[in-house]
C-alpha atoms as a PDB file:
ATOM      1  CA  MET A   1       2.294  23.529 -35.471  1.00  0.00           C
ATOM      2  CA  ILE A   2       1.826  19.736 -35.304  1.00  0.00           C
ATOM      3  CA  GLY A   3       0.011  18.284 -38.337  1.00  0.00           C
ATOM      4  CA  ASP A   4      -2.983  16.057 -38.196  1.00  0.00           C
ATOM      5  CA  GLU A   5      -2.780  12.418 -37.113  1.00  0.00           C
ATOM      6  CA  PRO A   6      -2.731  10.807 -40.640  1.00  0.00           C
ATOM      7  CA  GLN A   7      -0.031  13.256 -41.793  1.00  0.00           C
ATOM      8  CA  MET A   8       2.117  12.523 -38.680  1.00  0.00           C
ATOM      9  CA  LYS A   9       1.679   8.779 -39.077  1.00  0.00           C
ATOM     10  CA  GLN A  10       2.813   9.163 -42.707  1.00  0.00           C
ATOM     11  CA  LEU A  11       5.850  11.166 -41.632  1.00  0.00           C
ATOM     12  CA  HIS A  12       6.609   8.535 -38.978  1.00  0.00           C
ATOM     13  CA  ASP A  13       6.351   5.815 -41.585  1.00  0.00           C
ATOM     14  CA  ARG A  14       8.738   7.591 -43.962  1.00  0.00           C
ATOM     15  CA  ALA A  15      11.169   8.285 -41.218  1.00  0.00           C
ATOM     16  CA  THR A  16      11.266   4.626 -39.960  1.00  0.00           C
ATOM     17  CA  ARG A  17      11.766   3.397 -43.557  1.00  0.00           C
ATOM     18  CA  GLY A  18      14.833   5.501 -43.811  1.00  0.00           C
ATOM     19  CA  HIS A  19      13.438   8.281 -45.981  1.00  0.00           C
ATOM     20  CA  THR A  20      15.006  11.730 -45.511  1.00  0.00           C
ATOM     21  CA  LEU A  21      12.686  14.373 -44.009  1.00  0.00           C
ATOM     22  CA  THR A  22      13.039  18.039 -44.405  1.00  0.00           C
ATOM     23  CA  ALA A  23      13.990  19.978 -41.382  1.00  0.00           C
ATOM     24  CA  ASP A  24      10.408  21.253 -40.971  1.00  0.00           C
ATOM     25  CA  GLU A  25       9.051  17.692 -41.303  1.00  0.00           C
ATOM     26  CA  GLN A  26      11.531  16.379 -38.765  1.00  0.00           C
ATOM     27  CA  ALA A  27      10.564  19.195 -36.365  1.00  0.00           C
ATOM     28  CA  GLN A  28       6.850  18.386 -36.813  1.00  0.00           C
ATOM     29  CA  LEU A  29       7.480  14.706 -36.217  1.00  0.00           C
ATOM     30  CA  ASP A  30       9.630  15.415 -33.179  1.00  0.00           C
ATOM     31  CA  ALA A  31       6.787  17.571 -31.709  1.00  0.00           C
ATOM     32  CA  TRP A  32       4.306  14.904 -32.487  1.00  0.00           C
ATOM     33  CA  TYR A  33       6.425  12.316 -30.733  1.00  0.00           C
ATOM     34  CA  ALA A  34       6.700  14.600 -27.637  1.00  0.00           C
ATOM     35  CA  ALA A  35       2.898  14.977 -27.570  1.00  0.00           C
ATOM     36  CA  GLN A  36       2.411  11.269 -27.966  1.00  0.00           C
ATOM     37  CA  ASP A  37       4.809  10.759 -24.958  1.00  0.00           C
ATOM     38  CA  VAL A  38       2.859  13.298 -22.842  1.00  0.00           C
ATOM     39  CA  ASP A  39      -0.487  11.573 -23.727  1.00  0.00           C
ATOM     40  CA  GLU A  40       0.949   8.165 -22.972  1.00  0.00           C
ATOM     41  CA  ALA A  41       2.410   9.195 -19.658  1.00  0.00           C
ATOM     42  CA  ALA A  42      -0.894  10.736 -18.610  1.00  0.00           C
ATOM     43  CA  MET A  43      -2.709   7.483 -19.470  1.00  0.00           C
ATOM     44  CA  LEU A  44      -0.233   5.508 -17.495  1.00  0.00           C
ATOM     45  CA  SER A  45      -0.318   7.664 -14.469  1.00  0.00           C
ATOM     46  CA  VAL A  46      -4.152   7.508 -14.455  1.00  0.00           C
ATOM     47  CA  ALA A  47      -3.992   3.757 -14.935  1.00  0.00           C
ATOM     48  CA  THR A  48      -1.717   3.209 -11.957  1.00  0.00           C
ATOM     49  CA  MET A  49      -3.389   5.673  -9.626  1.00  0.00           C
ATOM     50  CA  PRO A  50      -6.223   3.330  -8.604  1.00  0.00           C
ATOM     51  CA  ASP A  51      -3.771   0.574  -7.714  1.00  0.00           C
ATOM     52  CA  ASP A  52      -1.732   2.967  -5.582  1.00  0.00           C
ATOM     53  CA  LEU A  53      -4.937   4.165  -3.852  1.00  0.00           C
ATOM     54  CA  ARG A  54      -6.127   0.613  -3.295  1.00  0.00           C
ATOM     55  CA  ASP A  55      -2.687  -0.254  -1.821  1.00  0.00           C
ATOM     56  CA  LEU A  56      -2.766   2.793   0.402  1.00  0.00           C
ATOM     57  CA  GLN A  57      -6.469   2.096   1.505  1.00  0.00           C
ATOM     58  CA  SER A  58      -5.528  -1.480   2.304  1.00  0.00           C
ATOM     59  CA  GLY A  59      -2.558  -0.334   4.404  1.00  0.00           C
ATOM     60  CA  VAL A  60      -4.739   2.104   6.293  1.00  0.00           C
ATOM     61  CA  GLU A  61      -7.369  -0.527   6.969  1.00  0.00           C
ATOM     62  CA  HIS A  62      -4.672  -2.960   8.196  1.00  0.00           C
ATOM     63  CA  VAL A  63      -3.186  -0.339  10.548  1.00  0.00           C
ATOM     64  CA  THR A  64      -6.701   0.579  11.824  1.00  0.00           C
ATOM     65  CA  VAL A  65      -7.546  -3.030  12.581  1.00  0.00           C
ATOM     66  CA  LEU A  66      -4.139  -3.460  14.457  1.00  0.00           C
ATOM     67  CA  ASP A  67      -4.867  -0.236  16.384  1.00  0.00           C
ATOM     68  CA  GLN A  68      -8.308  -1.499  17.438  1.00  0.00           C
ATOM     69  CA  LEU A  69      -6.852  -4.816  18.523  1.00  0.00           C
ATOM     70  CA  LYS A  70      -4.150  -3.176  20.644  1.00  0.00           C
ATOM     71  CA  THR A  71      -6.752  -0.855  22.160  1.00  0.00           C
ATOM     72  CA  GLN A  72      -8.951  -3.821  23.106  1.00  0.00           C
ATOM     73  CA  GLN A  73      -5.916  -5.609  24.621  1.00  0.00           C
ATOM     74  CA  ALA A  74      -5.106  -2.516  26.646  1.00  0.00           C
ATOM     75  CA  ILE A  75      -8.650  -2.286  27.924  1.00  0.00           C
ATOM     76  CA  LEU A  76      -8.670  -6.034  28.942  1.00  0.00           C
ATOM     77  CA  LEU A  77      -5.223  -6.020  30.608  1.00  0.00           C
ATOM     78  CA  PRO A  78      -6.376  -4.722  33.965  1.00  0.00           C
ATOM     79  CA  GLU A  79      -9.204  -7.168  34.033  1.00  0.00           C
ATOM     80  CA  GLN A  80      -6.862 -10.027  33.254  1.00  0.00           C
ATOM     81  CA  GLY A  81      -4.560  -8.877  36.063  1.00  0.00           C
ATOM     82  CA  GLU A  82      -7.450  -8.922  38.486  1.00  0.00           C
ATOM     83  CA  LEU A  83      -8.523 -12.407  37.323  1.00  0.00           C
ATOM     84  CA  LEU A  84      -4.956 -13.717  37.847  1.00  0.00           C
ATOM     85  CA  ARG A  85      -4.873 -12.127  41.316  1.00  0.00           C
ATOM     86  CA  LEU A  86      -8.218 -13.892  42.270  1.00  0.00           C
ATOM     87  CA  GLN A  87      -6.968 -17.234  40.837  1.00  0.00           C
ATOM     88  CA  ARG A  88      -3.787 -16.857  43.009  1.00  0.00           C
ATOM     89  CA  GLU A  89      -5.852 -16.191  46.133  1.00  0.00           C
ATOM     90  CA  LEU A  90      -8.105 -19.195  45.361  1.00  0.00           C
ATOM     91  CA  LEU A  91      -5.007 -21.432  44.864  1.00  0.00           C
ATOM     92  CA  GLN A  92      -3.574 -20.246  48.174  1.00  0.00           C
ATOM     93  CA  LEU A  93      -6.858 -21.198  49.921  1.00  0.00           C
ATOM     94  CA  LEU A  94      -7.093 -24.531  48.191  1.00  0.00           C
ATOM     95  CA  LEU A  95      -3.361 -25.664  48.480  1.00  0.00           C
ATOM     96  CA  PRO A  96      -1.950 -26.354  51.852  1.00  0.00           C
ATOM     97  CA  ASP A  97       0.742 -23.939  53.055  1.00  0.00           C
ATOM     98  CA  GLU A  98       4.275 -25.495  52.841  1.00  0.00           C
ATOM     99  CA  ASP A  99       5.042 -24.416  56.396  1.00  0.00           C
ATOM    100  CA  GLU A 100       1.945 -26.109  57.745  1.00  0.00           C
ATOM    101  CA  SER A 101       2.671 -29.284  55.652  1.00  0.00           C
ATOM    102  CA  ALA A 102       6.225 -29.585  57.028  1.00  0.00           C
ATOM    103  CA  SER A 103       5.171 -29.178  60.709  1.00  0.00           C
ATOM    104  CA  SER A 104       2.374 -31.732  60.538  1.00  0.00           C
ATOM    105  CA  SER A 105       4.593 -34.530  59.244  1.00  0.00           C
END
């Protein structure tokens, strides 16, 4: 069984100062270290989770905006093609035909 926090801190202090611990004390201290590592890892994973989620959400929003833009471009493409066709017809009406220009000179 792991002892209470003050007792474990005292064992830690003794061990880090070079005092010899009994086998039982060393086992308790090792178990306390392992529990501290688990608690710390849990805190770190919780702390980084929101950043990961924000990054993921930002990426999803970016891809969604790009998808909407590409969809709008696809919708407008036929209309742009029709506009170009009408402009070409207008230019053909306004500009003299090369064959007619060559024969009249």
